[in-house]
Amino acid sequence: VLAYNDLVAIGLIEALEPLGVGVPGDVSVIG
């Protein structure tokens, strides 16, 4: 994932964890 900014990236990572998706193990994220 490429996010619009760091805040969006951080919010995304926080919300992926309860969905069982780890970063960067399952999904890589760039802000």
PDB file of all heavy atoms in Angstrom:
ATOM      1  N   VAL A   1       0.849  -1.197   0.000  1.00  0.00           N
ATOM      2  CA  VAL A   1       0.000   0.000   0.000  1.00  0.00           C
ATOM      3  C   VAL A   1       0.882   1.244   0.000  1.00  0.00           C
ATOM      4  O   VAL A   1       1.856   1.331   0.754  1.00  0.00           O
ATOM      5  CB  VAL A   1      -0.913   0.054   1.245  1.00  0.00           C
ATOM      6  CG1 VAL A   1      -1.766   1.332   1.230  1.00  0.00           C
ATOM      7  CG2 VAL A   1      -1.802  -1.170   1.327  1.00  0.00           C
ATOM      8  N   LEU A   2       0.505   2.207  -0.840  1.00  0.00           N
ATOM      9  CA  LEU A   2       1.067   3.557  -0.756  1.00  0.00           C
ATOM     10  C   LEU A   2      -0.048   4.461  -0.265  1.00  0.00           C
ATOM     11  O   LEU A   2      -1.098   4.567  -0.903  1.00  0.00           O
ATOM     12  CB  LEU A   2       1.580   4.030  -2.117  1.00  0.00           C
ATOM     13  CG  LEU A   2       2.092   5.481  -2.165  1.00  0.00           C
ATOM     14  CD1 LEU A   2       3.271   5.681  -1.213  1.00  0.00           C
ATOM     15  CD2 LEU A   2       2.487   5.875  -3.587  1.00  0.00           C
ATOM     16  N   ALA A   3       0.171   5.104   0.887  1.00  0.00           N
ATOM     17  CA  ALA A   3      -0.855   5.963   1.485  1.00  0.00           C
ATOM     18  C   ALA A   3      -0.573   7.428   1.185  1.00  0.00           C
ATOM     19  O   ALA A   3       0.577   7.834   0.983  1.00  0.00           O
ATOM     20  CB  ALA A   3      -0.913   5.739   3.000  1.00  0.00           C
ATOM     21  N   TYR A   4      -1.638   8.228   1.202  1.00  0.00           N
ATOM     22  CA  TYR A   4      -1.550   9.658   0.877  1.00  0.00           C
ATOM     23  C   TYR A   4      -0.570  10.402   1.776  1.00  0.00           C
ATOM     24  O   TYR A   4       0.157  11.281   1.328  1.00  0.00           O
ATOM     25  CB  TYR A   4      -2.948  10.269   0.987  1.00  0.00           C
ATOM     26  CG  TYR A   4      -2.980  11.774   0.885  1.00  0.00           C
ATOM     27  CD1 TYR A   4      -2.790  12.408  -0.338  1.00  0.00           C
ATOM     28  CD2 TYR A   4      -3.198  12.553   2.026  1.00  0.00           C
ATOM     29  CE1 TYR A   4      -2.827  13.788  -0.428  1.00  0.00           C
ATOM     30  CE2 TYR A   4      -3.242  13.934   1.938  1.00  0.00           C
ATOM     31  CZ  TYR A   4      -3.051  14.549   0.713  1.00  0.00           C
ATOM     32  OH  TYR A   4      -3.090  15.923   0.630  1.00  0.00           O
ATOM     33  N   ASN A   5      -0.555  10.071   3.054  1.00  0.00           N
ATOM     34  CA  ASN A   5       0.415  10.686   3.966  1.00  0.00           C
ATOM     35  C   ASN A   5       0.682   9.744   5.136  1.00  0.00           C
ATOM     36  O   ASN A   5       0.101   8.658   5.225  1.00  0.00           O
ATOM     37  CB  ASN A   5      -0.053  12.072   4.448  1.00  0.00           C
ATOM     38  CG  ASN A   5      -1.328  12.033   5.278  1.00  0.00           C
ATOM     39  OD1 ASN A   5      -1.721  10.995   5.804  1.00  0.00           O
ATOM     40  ND2 ASN A   5      -1.977  13.184   5.412  1.00  0.00           N
ATOM     41  N   ASP A   6       1.574  10.151   6.026  1.00  0.00           N
ATOM     42  CA  ASP A   6       1.946   9.294   7.155  1.00  0.00           C
ATOM     43  C   ASP A   6       0.766   9.042   8.090  1.00  0.00           C
ATOM     44  O   ASP A   6       0.633   7.949   8.658  1.00  0.00           O
ATOM     45  CB  ASP A   6       3.095   9.931   7.949  1.00  0.00           C
ATOM     46  CG  ASP A   6       4.423   9.856   7.212  1.00  0.00           C
ATOM     47  OD1 ASP A   6       4.485   9.226   6.143  1.00  0.00           O
ATOM     48  OD2 ASP A   6       5.409  10.445   7.709  1.00  0.00           O
ATOM     49  N   LEU A   7      -0.087  10.051   8.282  1.00  0.00           N
ATOM     50  CA  LEU A   7      -1.229   9.868   9.177  1.00  0.00           C
ATOM     51  C   LEU A   7      -2.168   8.781   8.648  1.00  0.00           C
ATOM     52  O   LEU A   7      -2.628   7.916   9.409  1.00  0.00           O
ATOM     53  CB  LEU A   7      -1.997  11.180   9.328  1.00  0.00           C
ATOM     54  CG  LEU A   7      -1.317  12.295  10.114  1.00  0.00           C
ATOM     55  CD1 LEU A   7      -2.208  13.531  10.150  1.00  0.00           C
ATOM     56  CD2 LEU A   7      -0.970  11.854  11.532  1.00  0.00           C
ATOM     57  N   VAL A   8      -2.448   8.816   7.355  1.00  0.00           N
ATOM     58  CA  VAL A   8      -3.308   7.796   6.749  1.00  0.00           C
ATOM     59  C   VAL A   8      -2.647   6.428   6.873  1.00  0.00           C
ATOM     60  O   VAL A   8      -3.301   5.426   7.195  1.00  0.00           O
ATOM     61  CB  VAL A   8      -3.598   8.129   5.274  1.00  0.00           C
ATOM     62  CG1 VAL A   8      -4.306   6.968   4.574  1.00  0.00           C
ATOM     63  CG2 VAL A   8      -4.447   9.395   5.172  1.00  0.00           C
ATOM     64  N   ALA A   9      -1.331   6.370   6.629  1.00  0.00           N
ATOM     65  CA  ALA A   9      -0.605   5.099   6.726  1.00  0.00           C
ATOM     66  C   ALA A   9      -0.691   4.525   8.137  1.00  0.00           C
ATOM     67  O   ALA A   9      -0.928   3.318   8.321  1.00  0.00           O
ATOM     68  CB  ALA A   9       0.851   5.300   6.317  1.00  0.00           C
ATOM     69  N   ILE A  10      -0.514   5.373   9.140  1.00  0.00           N
ATOM     70  CA  ILE A  10      -0.550   4.909  10.529  1.00  0.00           C
ATOM     71  C   ILE A  10      -1.952   4.437  10.919  1.00  0.00           C
ATOM     72  O   ILE A  10      -2.124   3.393  11.560  1.00  0.00           O
ATOM     73  CB  ILE A  10      -0.046   6.018  11.474  1.00  0.00           C
ATOM     74  CG1 ILE A  10       1.465   6.206  11.281  1.00  0.00           C
ATOM     75  CG2 ILE A  10      -0.377   5.703  12.922  1.00  0.00           C
ATOM     76  CD1 ILE A  10       2.027   7.433  11.954  1.00  0.00           C
ATOM     77  N   GLY A  11      -2.965   5.194  10.512  1.00  0.00           N
ATOM     78  CA  GLY A  11      -4.338   4.765  10.779  1.00  0.00           C
ATOM     79  C   GLY A  11      -4.650   3.435  10.122  1.00  0.00           C
ATOM     80  O   GLY A  11      -5.315   2.569  10.713  1.00  0.00           O
ATOM     81  N   LEU A  12      -4.138   3.249   8.910  1.00  0.00           N
ATOM     82  CA  LEU A  12      -4.342   1.996   8.189  1.00  0.00           C
ATOM     83  C   LEU A  12      -3.698   0.826   8.926  1.00  0.00           C
ATOM     84  O   LEU A  12      -4.328  -0.227   9.126  1.00  0.00           O
ATOM     85  CB  LEU A  12      -3.760   2.118   6.780  1.00  0.00           C
ATOM     86  CG  LEU A  12      -3.786   0.868   5.905  1.00  0.00           C
ATOM     87  CD1 LEU A  12      -5.210   0.454   5.598  1.00  0.00           C
ATOM     88  CD2 LEU A  12      -2.998   1.105   4.612  1.00  0.00           C
ATOM     89  N   ILE A  13      -2.453   0.999   9.359  1.00  0.00           N
ATOM     90  CA  ILE A  13      -1.753  -0.070  10.069  1.00  0.00           C
ATOM     91  C   ILE A  13      -2.485  -0.442  11.355  1.00  0.00           C
ATOM     92  O   ILE A  13      -2.643  -1.620  11.691  1.00  0.00           O
ATOM     93  CB  ILE A  13      -0.295   0.351  10.371  1.00  0.00           C
ATOM     94  CG1 ILE A  13       0.489   0.517   9.061  1.00  0.00           C
ATOM     95  CG2 ILE A  13       0.396  -0.674  11.261  1.00  0.00           C
ATOM     96  CD1 ILE A  13       1.864   1.144   9.239  1.00  0.00           C
ATOM     97  N   GLU A  14      -2.941   0.602  12.083  1.00  0.00           N
ATOM     98  CA  GLU A  14      -3.672   0.355  13.335  1.00  0.00           C
ATOM     99  C   GLU A  14      -4.932  -0.471  13.091  1.00  0.00           C
ATOM    100  O   GLU A  14      -5.268  -1.369  13.873  1.00  0.00           O
ATOM    101  CB  GLU A  14      -4.057   1.701  13.970  1.00  0.00           C
ATOM    102  CG  GLU A  14      -2.888   2.484  14.531  1.00  0.00           C
ATOM    103  CD  GLU A  14      -2.390   1.937  15.852  1.00  0.00           C
ATOM    104  OE1 GLU A  14      -3.081   1.091  16.442  1.00  0.00           O
ATOM    105  OE2 GLU A  14      -1.301   2.352  16.297  1.00  0.00           O
ATOM    106  N   ALA A  15      -5.632  -0.172  11.982  1.00  0.00           N
ATOM    107  CA  ALA A  15      -6.892  -0.862  11.714  1.00  0.00           C
ATOM    108  C   ALA A  15      -6.690  -2.237  11.094  1.00  0.00           C
ATOM    109  O   ALA A  15      -7.579  -3.095  11.205  1.00  0.00           O
ATOM    110  CB  ALA A  15      -7.755   0.000  10.795  1.00  0.00           C
ATOM    111  N   LEU A  16      -5.551  -2.473  10.458  1.00  0.00           N
ATOM    112  CA  LEU A  16      -5.300  -3.785   9.849  1.00  0.00           C
ATOM    113  C   LEU A  16      -5.039  -4.850  10.904  1.00  0.00           C
ATOM    114  O   LEU A  16      -5.409  -6.015  10.732  1.00  0.00           O
ATOM    115  CB  LEU A  16      -4.108  -3.705   8.889  1.00  0.00           C
ATOM    116  CG  LEU A  16      -4.341  -3.000   7.551  1.00  0.00           C
ATOM    117  CD1 LEU A  16      -3.030  -2.889   6.774  1.00  0.00           C
ATOM    118  CD2 LEU A  16      -5.398  -3.724   6.718  1.00  0.00           C
ATOM    119  N   GLU A  17      -4.414  -4.459  12.004  1.00  0.00           N
ATOM    120  CA  GLU A  17      -4.044  -5.444  13.030  1.00  0.00           C
ATOM    121  C   GLU A  17      -5.259  -6.214  13.570  1.00  0.00           C
ATOM    122  O   GLU A  17      -5.230  -7.452  13.633  1.00  0.00           O
ATOM    123  CB  GLU A  17      -3.289  -4.762  14.168  1.00  0.00           C
ATOM    124  CG  GLU A  17      -2.777  -5.739  15.214  1.00  0.00           C
ATOM    125  CD  GLU A  17      -1.974  -5.063  16.307  1.00  0.00           C
ATOM    126  OE1 GLU A  17      -1.807  -3.825  16.261  1.00  0.00           O
ATOM    127  OE2 GLU A  17      -1.509  -5.763  17.218  1.00  0.00           O
ATOM    128  N   PRO A  18      -6.361  -5.538  13.959  1.00  0.00           N
ATOM    129  CA  PRO A  18      -7.531  -6.299  14.433  1.00  0.00           C
ATOM    130  C   PRO A  18      -8.162  -7.173  13.355  1.00  0.00           C
ATOM    131  O   PRO A  18      -8.907  -8.106  13.679  1.00  0.00           O
ATOM    132  CB  PRO A  18      -8.510  -5.188  14.866  1.00  0.00           C
ATOM    133  CG  PRO A  18      -7.687  -3.974  15.054  1.00  0.00           C
ATOM    134  CD  PRO A  18      -6.558  -4.087  14.092  1.00  0.00           C
ATOM    135  N   LEU A  19      -7.855  -6.878  12.106  1.00  0.00           N
ATOM    136  CA  LEU A  19      -8.377  -7.690  11.004  1.00  0.00           C
ATOM    137  C   LEU A  19      -7.474  -8.885  10.705  1.00  0.00           C
ATOM    138  O   LEU A  19      -7.702  -9.629   9.756  1.00  0.00           O
ATOM    139  CB  LEU A  19      -8.527  -6.824   9.748  1.00  0.00           C
ATOM    140  CG  LEU A  19      -9.511  -5.654   9.847  1.00  0.00           C
ATOM    141  CD1 LEU A  19      -9.485  -4.820   8.575  1.00  0.00           C
ATOM    142  CD2 LEU A  19     -10.924  -6.170  10.133  1.00  0.00           C
ATOM    143  N   GLY A  20      -6.428  -9.051  11.528  1.00  0.00           N
ATOM    144  CA  GLY A  20      -5.517 -10.173  11.362  1.00  0.00           C
ATOM    145  C   GLY A  20      -4.482  -9.982  10.278  1.00  0.00           C
ATOM    146  O   GLY A  20      -3.881 -10.948   9.801  1.00  0.00           O
ATOM    147  N   VAL A  21      -4.247  -8.740   9.891  1.00  0.00           N
ATOM    148  CA  VAL A  21      -3.266  -8.429   8.839  1.00  0.00           C
ATOM    149  C   VAL A  21      -2.091  -7.693   9.468  1.00  0.00           C
ATOM    150  O   VAL A  21      -2.248  -6.585  10.008  1.00  0.00           O
ATOM    151  CB  VAL A  21      -3.907  -7.569   7.728  1.00  0.00           C
ATOM    152  CG1 VAL A  21      -2.875  -7.237   6.652  1.00  0.00           C
ATOM    153  CG2 VAL A  21      -5.108  -8.286   7.117  1.00  0.00           C
ATOM    154  N   GLY A  22      -0.913  -8.294   9.418  1.00  0.00           N
ATOM    155  CA  GLY A  22       0.272  -7.695  10.009  1.00  0.00           C
ATOM    156  C   GLY A  22       1.056  -6.880   9.003  1.00  0.00           C
ATOM    157  O   GLY A  22       1.040  -7.144   7.808  1.00  0.00           O
ATOM    158  N   VAL A  23       1.769  -5.864   9.499  1.00  0.00           N
ATOM    159  CA  VAL A  23       2.639  -5.015   8.684  1.00  0.00           C
ATOM    160  C   VAL A  23       4.037  -5.082   9.255  1.00  0.00           C
ATOM    161  O   VAL A  23       4.230  -4.835  10.454  1.00  0.00           O
ATOM    162  CB  VAL A  23       2.136  -3.548   8.684  1.00  0.00           C
ATOM    163  CG1 VAL A  23       3.096  -2.655   7.915  1.00  0.00           C
ATOM    164  CG2 VAL A  23       0.726  -3.451   8.097  1.00  0.00           C
ATOM    165  N   PRO A  24       5.041  -5.482   8.439  1.00  0.00           N
ATOM    166  CA  PRO A  24       4.978  -5.732   6.995  1.00  0.00           C
ATOM    167  C   PRO A  24       4.784  -7.200   6.620  1.00  0.00           C
ATOM    168  O   PRO A  24       4.900  -7.539   5.439  1.00  0.00           O
ATOM    169  CB  PRO A  24       6.344  -5.261   6.530  1.00  0.00           C
ATOM    170  CG  PRO A  24       7.257  -5.681   7.654  1.00  0.00           C
ATOM    171  CD  PRO A  24       6.458  -5.473   8.914  1.00  0.00           C
ATOM    172  N   GLY A  25       4.507  -8.086   7.595  1.00  0.00           N
ATOM    173  CA  GLY A  25       4.429  -9.509   7.303  1.00  0.00           C
ATOM    174  C   GLY A  25       3.428  -9.867   6.226  1.00  0.00           C
ATOM    175  O   GLY A  25       3.724 -10.638   5.304  1.00  0.00           O
ATOM    176  N   ASP A  26       2.218  -9.299   6.327  1.00  0.00           N
ATOM    177  CA  ASP A  26       1.170  -9.589   5.346  1.00  0.00           C
ATOM    178  C   ASP A  26       1.035  -8.499   4.280  1.00  0.00           C
ATOM    179  O   ASP A  26       0.765  -8.792   3.119  1.00  0.00           O
ATOM    180  CB  ASP A  26      -0.176  -9.762   6.063  1.00  0.00           C
ATOM    181  CG  ASP A  26      -0.152 -10.917   7.054  1.00  0.00           C
ATOM    182  OD1 ASP A  26       0.194 -12.040   6.640  1.00  0.00           O
ATOM    183  OD2 ASP A  26      -0.453 -10.691   8.238  1.00  0.00           O
ATOM    184  N   VAL A  27       1.179  -7.258   4.710  1.00  0.00           N
ATOM    185  CA  VAL A  27       1.045  -6.121   3.784  1.00  0.00           C
ATOM    186  C   VAL A  27       2.131  -5.092   4.103  1.00  0.00           C
ATOM    187  O   VAL A  27       2.329  -4.747   5.275  1.00  0.00           O
ATOM    188  CB  VAL A  27      -0.341  -5.453   3.913  1.00  0.00           C
ATOM    189  CG1 VAL A  27      -0.409  -4.190   3.056  1.00  0.00           C
ATOM    190  CG2 VAL A  27      -1.448  -6.407   3.508  1.00  0.00           C
ATOM    191  N   SER A  28       2.829  -4.641   3.079  1.00  0.00           N
ATOM    192  CA  SER A  28       3.793  -3.552   3.244  1.00  0.00           C
ATOM    193  C   SER A  28       3.079  -2.216   3.080  1.00  0.00           C
ATOM    194  O   SER A  28       2.177  -2.085   2.240  1.00  0.00           O
ATOM    195  CB  SER A  28       4.908  -3.662   2.198  1.00  0.00           C
ATOM    196  OG  SER A  28       5.748  -4.758   2.463  1.00  0.00           O
ATOM    197  N   VAL A  29       3.467  -1.218   3.881  1.00  0.00           N
ATOM    198  CA  VAL A  29       2.812   0.090   3.846  1.00  0.00           C
ATOM    199  C   VAL A  29       3.861   1.194   3.744  1.00  0.00           C
ATOM    200  O   VAL A  29       4.852   1.196   4.484  1.00  0.00           O
ATOM    201  CB  VAL A  29       1.941   0.311   5.098  1.00  0.00           C
ATOM    202  CG1 VAL A  29       1.337   1.723   5.093  1.00  0.00           C
ATOM    203  CG2 VAL A  29       0.833  -0.732   5.177  1.00  0.00           C
ATOM    204  N   ILE A  30       3.607   2.141   2.833  1.00  0.00           N
ATOM    205  CA  ILE A  30       4.473   3.308   2.661  1.00  0.00           C
ATOM    206  C   ILE A  30       3.635   4.566   2.836  1.00  0.00           C
ATOM    207  O   ILE A  30       2.529   4.667   2.315  1.00  0.00           O
ATOM    208  CB  ILE A  30       5.129   3.329   1.260  1.00  0.00           C
ATOM    209  CG1 ILE A  30       5.964   2.072   1.043  1.00  0.00           C
ATOM    210  CG2 ILE A  30       6.004   4.584   1.093  1.00  0.00           C
ATOM    211  CD1 ILE A  30       6.599   1.990  -0.342  1.00  0.00           C
ATOM    212  N   GLY A  31       4.164   5.526   3.577  1.00  0.00           N
ATOM    213  CA  GLY A  31       3.498   6.812   3.761  1.00  0.00           C
ATOM    214  C   GLY A  31       4.125   7.907   2.921  1.00  0.00           C
ATOM    215  O   GLY A  31       4.975   7.655   2.063  1.00  0.00           O
TER     216      GLY A  31
END
